[in-house]
Protein backbone atom coordinates (compact mmCIF):
# COMPACT_ATOMS: atom_id res chain seq x y z
CA UNK A 1 79.07 128.96 81.15
CA UNK A 2 79.12 129.24 84.97
CA UNK A 3 82.40 127.91 86.33
CA UNK A 4 82.88 127.48 90.06
CA UNK A 5 86.27 126.79 91.69
CA UNK A 6 86.63 125.76 95.34
CA UNK A 7 90.07 126.56 96.75
CA UNK A 8 92.36 129.60 96.71
CA UNK A 9 95.71 127.82 96.35
CA UNK A 10 97.98 127.64 93.31
CA UNK A 11 95.81 125.02 91.58
CA UNK A 12 92.53 126.85 92.18
CA UNK A 13 93.70 130.30 91.11
CA UNK A 14 95.44 128.84 88.04
CA UNK A 15 92.19 127.15 87.00
CA UNK A 16 90.19 130.35 87.50
CA UNK A 17 92.63 132.57 85.60
CA UNK A 18 93.01 130.21 82.64
CA UNK A 19 89.28 129.51 82.29
CA UNK A 20 88.95 133.14 81.24
CA UNK A 21 91.64 132.61 78.61
CA UNK A 22 90.24 129.38 77.16
CA UNK A 23 86.59 130.54 77.32
CA UNK A 24 86.05 134.21 76.46
CA UNK A 25 82.48 134.02 77.80
CA UNK A 26 83.40 132.33 81.06
CA UNK A 27 81.57 133.39 84.22
CA UNK A 28 84.10 132.37 86.88
CA UNK A 29 83.64 132.34 90.65
CA UNK A 30 86.28 131.21 93.14
CA UNK A 31 85.48 130.31 96.76
CA UNK A 32 88.25 130.44 99.35
CA UNK A 33 88.09 129.76 103.09
CA UNK A 34 90.60 132.58 103.64
CA UNK A 35 90.52 136.23 102.64
CA UNK A 36 93.60 135.98 100.44
CA UNK A 37 94.55 133.62 97.63
CA UNK A 38 97.85 132.29 96.30
CA UNK A 39 99.09 133.87 93.09
CA UNK A 40 101.97 132.73 90.88
CA UNK A 41 104.38 135.53 89.96
CA UNK A 42 107.71 135.89 88.15
CA UNK A 43 107.00 132.78 86.10
CA UNK A 44 110.10 131.90 84.11
CA UNK A 45 110.20 129.06 81.61
CA UNK A 46 113.47 127.14 81.74
CA UNK A 47 112.52 124.68 79.02
CA UNK A 48 109.52 122.94 77.48
CA UNK A 49 108.20 121.81 80.88
CA UNK A 50 110.44 123.35 83.56
CA UNK A 51 109.01 126.44 85.25
CA UNK A 52 110.51 128.56 88.01
CA UNK A 53 108.19 130.93 89.84
CA UNK A 54 107.29 132.58 93.12
CA UNK A 55 104.04 132.30 95.07
CA UNK A 56 102.57 135.28 96.92
CA UNK A 57 99.42 136.04 98.92
CA UNK A 58 97.13 138.20 96.81
CA UNK A 59 94.17 140.37 97.74
CA UNK A 60 90.87 139.41 96.07
CA UNK A 61 90.37 143.05 95.07
CA UNK A 62 92.90 142.59 92.27
CA UNK A 63 91.39 139.43 90.81
CA UNK A 64 89.76 139.28 87.39
CA UNK A 65 87.09 136.79 88.50
CA UNK A 66 84.38 136.81 91.17
CA UNK A 67 85.67 136.00 94.65
CA UNK A 68 83.75 134.68 97.65
CA UNK A 69 85.32 134.18 101.08
CA UNK A 70 83.42 131.34 102.69
CA UNK A 71 83.53 127.77 103.95
CA UNK A 72 81.90 125.13 101.77
CA UNK A 73 79.72 122.79 103.86
CA UNK A 74 77.89 120.82 101.16
CA UNK A 75 78.02 120.00 97.46
CA UNK A 76 74.92 118.72 95.66
CA UNK A 77 76.25 117.19 92.47
CA UNK A 78 72.74 116.31 91.24
CA UNK A 79 71.39 119.85 91.52
CA UNK A 80 74.84 121.29 90.71
CA UNK A 81 74.95 123.61 93.71
CA UNK A 82 77.44 124.40 96.47
CA UNK A 83 76.34 125.53 99.94
CA UNK A 84 78.38 127.74 102.27
CA UNK A 85 78.44 127.88 106.06
CA UNK A 86 76.31 131.05 106.01
CA UNK A 87 73.57 129.20 104.11
CA UNK A 88 74.25 130.78 100.73
CA UNK A 89 73.81 128.44 97.75
CA UNK A 90 75.84 128.91 94.56
CA UNK A 91 74.84 127.14 91.31
CA UNK A 92 77.33 126.03 88.70
CA UNK A 93 77.56 124.42 85.28
CA UNK A 94 81.05 123.04 85.86
CA UNK A 95 82.85 122.72 89.19
CA UNK A 96 86.54 122.34 90.04
CA UNK A 97 87.55 121.11 93.50
CA UNK A 98 90.99 122.43 94.44
CA UNK A 99 90.84 122.33 98.23
CA UNK A 100 94.43 121.11 98.58
CA UNK A 101 95.74 119.10 101.51
CA UNK A 102 96.41 119.59 105.21
CA UNK A 103 99.51 118.75 107.26
CA UNK A 104 99.71 115.24 108.66
CA UNK A 105 100.53 116.58 112.13
CA UNK A 106 101.74 114.06 114.70
CA UNK A 107 100.15 114.35 118.16
CA UNK A 108 97.85 117.21 117.04
CA UNK A 109 96.08 117.49 120.39
CA UNK A 110 99.29 118.25 122.30
CA UNK A 111 99.97 121.98 122.85
CA UNK A 112 103.17 123.34 121.29
CA UNK A 113 103.04 120.77 118.44
CA UNK A 114 102.68 122.68 115.16
CA UNK A 115 102.53 121.95 111.47
CA UNK A 116 103.74 124.20 108.64
CA UNK A 117 101.37 124.51 105.73
CA UNK A 118 100.13 128.07 105.14
CA UNK A 119 101.01 131.67 105.91
CA UNK A 120 99.06 131.64 109.17
CA UNK A 121 100.89 128.56 110.49
CA UNK A 122 104.26 130.15 109.64
CA UNK A 123 103.30 133.29 111.55
CA UNK A 124 102.21 131.15 114.52
CA UNK A 125 105.54 129.32 114.48
CA UNK A 126 107.42 132.60 114.21
CA UNK A 127 105.70 133.87 117.35
CA UNK A 128 106.45 130.66 119.24
CA UNK A 129 110.14 130.76 118.31
CA UNK A 130 110.61 134.16 119.94
CA UNK A 131 110.58 132.45 123.34
CA UNK A 132 112.20 129.23 122.21
CA UNK A 133 115.55 127.66 123.10
CA UNK A 134 115.08 124.17 121.66
CA UNK A 135 113.04 122.92 118.68
CA UNK A 136 112.39 119.33 117.66
CA UNK A 137 111.68 118.84 113.95
CA UNK A 138 110.24 115.59 112.61
CA UNK A 139 110.06 114.86 108.88
CA UNK A 140 112.52 114.52 106.02
CA UNK A 141 110.92 116.36 103.11
CA UNK A 142 111.08 119.88 101.75
CA UNK A 143 109.32 121.74 104.58
CA UNK A 144 111.43 120.12 107.32
CA UNK A 145 114.67 120.70 105.38
CA UNK A 146 113.82 124.34 104.67
CA UNK A 147 112.93 125.03 108.31
CA UNK A 148 116.19 123.48 109.54
CA UNK A 149 118.06 125.74 107.11
CA UNK A 150 116.09 128.91 107.88
CA UNK A 151 115.82 128.73 111.68
CA UNK A 152 118.39 130.71 113.65
CA UNK A 153 119.45 131.22 117.28
CA UNK A 154 118.07 127.97 118.65
CA UNK A 155 119.03 124.36 119.27
CA UNK A 156 117.43 122.03 116.72
CA UNK A 157 116.98 118.28 117.02
CA UNK A 158 116.02 116.91 113.60
CA UNK A 159 114.33 113.51 113.85
CA UNK A 160 114.29 111.48 110.63
CA UNK A 161 113.38 107.84 110.06
CA UNK A 162 115.96 107.50 107.28
CA UNK A 163 119.74 107.29 107.38
CA UNK A 164 120.22 110.44 105.25
CA UNK A 165 118.65 113.91 105.24
CA UNK A 166 116.05 115.13 102.72
CA UNK A 167 115.55 111.59 101.40
CA UNK A 168 112.17 112.48 99.87
CA UNK A 169 114.10 114.27 97.15
CA UNK A 170 117.76 113.27 97.21
CA UNK A 171 119.93 110.18 97.55
CA UNK A 172 122.76 109.59 100.01
CA UNK A 173 125.36 111.28 97.77
CA UNK A 174 123.33 114.47 97.36
CA UNK A 175 122.41 114.32 101.03
CA UNK A 176 126.10 114.44 101.99
CA UNK A 177 126.65 117.37 99.61
CA UNK A 178 123.79 119.32 101.23
CA UNK A 179 124.77 118.42 104.79
CA UNK A 180 128.42 119.37 104.23
CA UNK A 181 127.30 122.66 102.70
CA UNK A 182 124.99 123.33 105.63
CA UNK A 183 127.81 122.72 108.10
CA UNK A 184 130.16 124.94 106.13
CA UNK A 185 127.66 127.78 106.03
CA UNK A 186 126.93 127.42 109.73
CA UNK A 187 130.64 127.66 110.46
CA UNK A 188 131.04 130.58 108.02
CA UNK A 189 133.67 128.63 106.18
CA UNK A 190 131.86 128.28 102.87
CA UNK A 191 133.88 129.76 100.02
CA UNK A 192 132.15 128.68 96.79
CA UNK A 193 134.55 130.65 94.62
CA UNK A 194 137.32 128.29 95.71
CA UNK A 195 135.36 125.09 94.99
CA UNK A 196 136.75 122.71 92.42
CA UNK A 197 135.04 120.04 90.34
CA UNK A 198 135.70 116.60 91.74
CA UNK A 199 136.42 113.54 89.66
CA UNK A 200 133.30 112.22 88.00
CA UNK A 201 131.86 109.06 89.48
CA UNK A 202 129.83 106.26 87.93
CA UNK A 203 128.12 103.33 89.57
CA UNK A 204 125.33 100.83 89.05
CA UNK A 205 122.72 100.72 91.78
CA UNK A 206 121.29 97.65 93.43
CA UNK A 207 117.97 98.41 95.12
CA UNK A 208 116.66 96.12 97.87
CA UNK A 209 112.91 95.84 97.99
CA UNK A 210 111.24 97.37 100.94
CA UNK A 211 89.25 116.94 110.84
CA UNK A 212 91.20 119.79 110.61
CA UNK A 213 90.70 123.51 111.35
CA UNK A 214 90.31 125.91 108.46
CA UNK A 215 93.68 126.13 106.77
CA UNK A 216 94.98 128.55 104.21
CA UNK A 217 96.49 127.44 100.93
CA UNK A 218 99.84 125.67 100.76
CA UNK A 219 103.07 127.61 100.90
CA UNK A 220 105.11 128.19 97.79
CA UNK A 221 108.85 128.17 97.15
CA UNK A 222 110.99 130.41 99.38
CA UNK A 223 108.21 130.58 101.98
CA UNK A 224 110.73 131.56 104.68
CA UNK A 225 112.12 134.58 102.80
CA UNK A 226 111.57 137.82 104.71
CA UNK A 227 110.51 135.93 107.83
CA UNK A 228 112.51 135.84 111.05
CA UNK A 229 112.66 132.31 112.47
CA UNK A 230 114.88 133.26 115.39
CA UNK A 231 114.91 131.66 118.81
CA UNK A 232 116.41 133.01 122.03
CA UNK A 233 119.81 131.27 121.97
CA UNK A 234 122.98 133.11 121.01
CA UNK A 235 123.88 130.56 118.32
CA UNK A 236 122.32 127.87 116.18
CA UNK A 237 123.09 124.23 116.94
CA UNK A 238 121.85 121.29 114.90
CA UNK A 239 121.73 117.66 115.99
CA UNK A 240 120.29 115.00 113.67
CA UNK A 241 118.65 111.86 115.07
CA UNK A 242 118.95 109.32 112.24
CA UNK A 243 116.91 106.16 111.74
CA UNK A 244 114.29 106.78 114.40
CA UNK A 245 110.81 108.18 114.94
CA UNK A 246 108.89 109.90 117.72
CA UNK A 247 107.37 107.37 120.09
CA UNK A 248 105.50 109.70 122.43
CA UNK A 249 105.07 113.37 123.29
CA UNK A 250 103.85 114.73 126.62
CA UNK A 251 103.67 118.19 128.16
CA UNK A 252 106.13 119.09 130.89
CA UNK A 253 105.20 120.35 134.33
CA UNK A 254 105.07 124.05 135.08
CA UNK A 255 108.37 123.75 136.94
CA UNK A 256 110.21 122.58 133.82
CA UNK A 257 112.23 124.93 131.62
CA UNK A 258 110.66 123.30 128.54
CA UNK A 259 107.15 122.69 127.20
CA UNK A 260 107.47 119.18 125.79
CA UNK A 261 109.02 115.83 126.61
CA UNK A 262 109.72 114.01 123.32
CA UNK A 263 110.53 110.29 123.51
CA UNK A 264 112.27 108.76 120.48
CA UNK A 265 112.18 105.15 119.34
CA UNK A 266 115.98 104.96 119.69
CA UNK A 267 115.61 105.36 123.46
CA UNK A 268 116.60 109.01 123.66
CA UNK A 269 114.45 111.69 125.31
CA UNK A 270 114.42 115.30 124.15
CA UNK A 271 113.09 118.35 125.98
CA UNK A 272 111.78 121.03 123.65
CA UNK A 273 109.81 124.26 123.56
CA UNK A 274 108.20 123.42 120.21
CA UNK A 275 107.76 120.31 118.05
CA UNK A 276 107.50 121.03 114.32
CA UNK A 277 105.67 118.18 112.58
CA UNK A 278 106.47 118.08 108.86
CA UNK A 279 105.54 114.53 107.92
CA UNK A 280 103.61 114.99 104.70
CA UNK A 281 100.07 116.02 103.85
CA UNK A 282 96.55 114.52 103.68
CA UNK A 283 94.13 115.53 100.88
CA UNK A 284 91.19 117.62 102.12
CA UNK A 285 88.63 115.17 100.77
CA UNK A 286 86.48 114.51 103.88
CA UNK A 287 83.55 116.55 102.51
CA UNK A 288 83.41 114.43 99.36
CA UNK A 289 84.13 110.92 100.66
CA UNK A 290 80.51 109.75 100.35
CA UNK A 291 79.94 111.31 96.91
CA UNK A 292 83.14 110.91 94.90
CA UNK A 293 85.51 108.02 94.30
CA UNK A 294 88.60 108.39 96.47
CA UNK A 295 91.95 106.64 96.30
CA UNK A 296 92.33 103.87 98.87
CA UNK A 297 96.03 104.72 99.08
CA UNK A 298 95.97 108.45 99.93
CA UNK A 299 92.26 109.45 100.05
CA UNK A 300 92.70 111.86 97.13
CA UNK A 301 89.86 112.36 94.64
CA UNK A 302 90.50 110.08 91.67
CA UNK A 303 90.47 111.85 88.30
CA UNK A 304 90.58 110.57 84.73
CA UNK A 305 92.80 111.82 81.90
CA UNK A 306 90.69 114.97 81.62
CA UNK A 307 90.86 115.65 85.38
CA UNK A 308 87.19 114.65 85.73
CA UNK A 309 85.95 113.06 88.94
CA UNK A 310 83.30 110.34 89.23
CA UNK A 311 80.53 112.99 89.29
CA UNK A 312 79.31 114.69 86.08
CA UNK A 313 80.74 118.17 85.41
CA UNK A 314 83.00 117.96 88.49
CA UNK A 315 86.77 118.22 88.14
CA UNK A 316 89.67 118.22 90.63
CA UNK A 317 93.18 119.64 90.54
CA UNK A 318 96.19 120.01 92.84
CA UNK A 319 96.89 118.26 96.12
CA UNK A 320 93.25 117.15 96.51
CA UNK A 321 93.36 114.84 93.50
CA UNK A 322 94.88 111.42 92.98
CA UNK A 323 96.07 110.55 89.46
CA UNK A 324 96.09 106.78 88.83
CA UNK A 325 97.16 107.01 85.19
CA UNK A 326 100.56 107.65 83.64
CA UNK A 327 101.46 109.06 80.24
CA UNK A 328 105.14 108.22 80.61
CA UNK A 329 107.47 106.34 82.96
CA UNK A 330 109.42 109.53 83.56
CA UNK A 331 106.44 111.21 85.29
CA UNK A 332 104.93 110.65 88.70
CA UNK A 333 102.54 112.52 90.93
CA UNK A 334 103.96 114.38 93.92
CA UNK A 335 101.98 116.93 95.91
CA UNK A 336 104.12 119.94 95.02
CA UNK A 337 103.31 123.50 93.95
CA UNK A 338 104.90 122.85 90.55
CA UNK A 339 102.33 120.17 89.77
CA UNK A 340 99.53 122.31 91.22
CA UNK A 341 100.36 124.93 88.58
CA UNK A 342 100.58 122.37 85.78
CA UNK A 343 97.36 120.62 86.76
CA UNK A 344 95.53 123.92 87.15
CA UNK A 345 96.39 124.93 83.60
CA UNK A 346 95.41 121.57 82.13
CA UNK A 347 92.18 121.35 84.15
CA UNK A 348 91.07 124.78 82.89
CA UNK A 349 91.73 123.62 79.34
CA UNK A 350 89.72 120.46 79.92
CA UNK A 351 86.79 122.23 81.63
CA UNK A 352 86.45 124.78 78.84
CA UNK A 353 86.38 122.10 76.12
CA UNK A 354 83.19 120.47 74.91
CA UNK A 355 82.47 116.88 75.93
CA UNK A 356 83.13 115.54 72.44
CA UNK A 357 86.36 117.50 71.98
CA UNK A 358 89.50 115.36 72.15
CA UNK A 359 91.72 116.57 75.00
CA UNK A 360 94.98 114.79 75.74
CA UNK A 361 97.30 115.41 78.73
CA UNK A 362 99.92 117.99 77.80
CA UNK A 363 103.70 117.71 77.96
CA UNK A 364 103.82 118.41 81.70
CA UNK A 365 102.48 114.87 82.20
CA UNK A 366 105.30 113.38 80.09
CA UNK A 367 108.16 114.52 82.32
CA UNK A 368 108.25 115.07 86.07
CA UNK A 369 109.77 118.46 86.84
CA UNK A 370 110.12 120.37 90.08
CA UNK A 371 112.02 123.54 90.88
CA UNK A 372 112.64 124.50 94.49
CA UNK A 373 115.33 125.52 96.97
CA UNK A 374 117.06 123.33 99.55
CA UNK A 375 119.53 124.72 102.08
CA UNK A 376 119.87 127.87 100.02
CA UNK A 377 120.60 126.03 96.75
CA UNK A 378 118.49 126.13 93.63
CA UNK A 379 117.29 122.57 92.96
CA UNK A 380 115.86 121.13 89.73
CA UNK A 381 114.46 117.59 89.61
CA UNK A 382 113.71 115.94 86.28
CA UNK A 383 112.15 112.62 85.31
CA UNK A 384 113.14 109.56 87.33
CA UNK A 385 115.76 111.40 89.37
CA UNK A 386 115.83 108.69 92.04
CA UNK A 387 117.82 105.62 91.02
CA UNK A 388 116.38 102.14 90.61
CA UNK A 389 117.83 98.65 90.18
CA UNK A 390 119.88 98.29 87.01
CA UNK A 391 120.33 101.99 86.25
CA UNK A 392 123.59 103.93 86.22
CA UNK A 393 124.26 107.24 87.95
CA UNK A 394 126.78 109.80 86.74
CA UNK A 395 127.90 112.54 89.13
CA UNK A 396 129.68 115.88 88.93
CA UNK A 397 130.25 117.41 92.34
CA UNK A 398 131.77 120.76 93.25
CA UNK A 399 131.66 120.89 97.07
CA UNK A 400 129.72 123.89 98.31
CA UNK A 401 128.91 125.00 94.77
CA UNK A 402 127.02 122.51 92.62
CA UNK A 403 125.85 118.90 92.43
CA UNK A 404 124.84 117.18 89.20
CA UNK A 405 123.43 113.68 89.01
CA UNK A 406 122.19 111.90 85.87
CA UNK A 407 120.22 108.67 86.00
CA UNK A 408 120.89 106.64 82.85
CA UNK A 409 119.37 103.45 81.48
CA UNK A 410 120.08 101.83 78.10
CA UNK A 411 122.36 104.76 77.18
CA UNK A 412 119.48 107.23 77.61
CA UNK A 413 119.11 109.84 80.33
CA UNK A 414 115.95 109.10 82.30
CA UNK A 415 116.33 111.56 85.16
CA UNK A 416 118.48 114.34 86.61
CA UNK A 417 119.02 116.09 89.92
CA UNK A 418 120.63 119.51 89.59
CA UNK A 419 121.68 121.45 92.70
CA UNK A 420 123.16 124.93 92.39
CA UNK A 421 123.56 127.16 89.34
CA UNK A 422 124.38 124.37 86.90
CA UNK A 423 122.67 125.88 83.80
CA UNK A 424 122.00 122.31 82.66
CA UNK A 425 118.23 122.10 83.12
CA UNK A 426 117.21 122.80 79.53
CA UNK A 427 119.71 120.43 77.89
CA UNK A 428 118.87 117.67 80.38
CA UNK A 429 115.17 118.15 79.75
CA UNK A 430 115.80 117.76 76.01
CA UNK A 431 117.90 114.63 76.52
CA UNK A 432 115.14 113.00 78.58
CA UNK A 433 112.22 114.06 76.39
CA UNK A 434 113.94 113.09 73.13
CA UNK A 435 115.63 109.98 74.58
CA UNK A 436 118.89 110.72 72.80
CA UNK A 437 121.63 108.06 72.72
CA UNK A 438 124.55 109.24 74.87
CA UNK A 439 126.68 106.11 74.45
CA UNK A 440 129.37 108.02 72.53
CA UNK A 441 130.01 110.24 75.53
CA UNK A 442 129.22 107.89 78.40
CA UNK A 443 130.31 109.31 81.74
CA UNK A 444 132.15 112.10 79.92
CA UNK A 445 128.79 113.74 79.35
CA UNK A 446 129.41 115.65 82.58
CA UNK A 447 132.93 116.73 81.71
CA UNK A 448 132.87 120.51 82.32
CA UNK A 449 135.13 120.98 79.28
CA UNK A 450 132.50 119.52 76.94
CA UNK A 451 129.67 121.78 75.78
CA UNK A 452 126.95 119.12 75.71
CA UNK A 453 124.34 121.62 74.50
CA UNK A 454 126.49 122.19 71.43
CA UNK A 455 127.25 118.47 71.11
CA UNK A 456 123.60 117.42 70.86
CA UNK A 457 122.49 120.40 68.79
């Protein structure tokens, strides 16, 4: 069987590697637009679904499958061939599209506006920062938060449309924990060994209704490790512009000390050397928009429960795909490297199976899990970790050390947000997956004097 994979990111390489495991006679070829691919290393299972791992750039010389560096310009799904920019045509029996997504960069035509998505873009930003005094960052997700934490020796204006930081992942309570910790670390006053556990809190929530250049594969966790993101100032200063967006960006005159004039919707004007745009991603689906069914919401390639697209023998995995189905309420799609790994594994299993073989989504589609780092803290997200109307939230907070939040409904844990070395990920995963009744413990479930792993054993 000739398997062809387009894309050298986490999803693509995971598909290619696992095809050789599921099909001993697999003839696997991977096409990447860049000369290196992303490889998952130091994979550590923390439970049934939770995985912690690192992502590195890997040379194709060490791969166990055939590698082609080239840009795909056409796919003929009737003839089952893929054409490259150099005119070479590659036939396949089964194809997986794992071309990922590109940064949704604001004002992309303005010089000194950059996005962070791959190794090359990080290196470009690193070079720009060497002559930089002031940086404007827009976005409130993982990339923006990690850059704000990692950047040194420059003034940073962080522009967010929300009233709290990192709202893509955390609520206002966790946001305060992270922001206080960031301030403490900046002031060199953080002493985690002296932190004490605060009184547990419980509350019920009431929710009010409300053509790119060639890019490398998406960054993995800890992308800033080993990289100097230093500006030219003697110290680091952070100012956060809450509840506003960028209205306009223009270049400054040659006489100015800065490169950019950034006008905010709150009436303020910033002068910056660089604008870092970290406002989400767009699936790289332009090549397939006239041949495959795309989501009207995000333009991702729609896949069924076997990761099959609307074309025969064509599959999709990772950031490029859009999953309209749900196996469980405690799972949702987010374009994260954790899900790229999970989808890559499952897609390889599906591709290697015969058409009449029954393949059901595995456990990774029953529970949302994501492991990352925010502001230097280990962060684990499980299930429905963001509250909704009618749920209860239990907290255990040790300032500067750890933050634990459980989302509970009908006396069952439905989600958890764990920040720091809590060692609770496996027991929380079990509570959510098995839907155990916690009514006997209630809010005492987070009492540090109770061994809940022992209690529910």
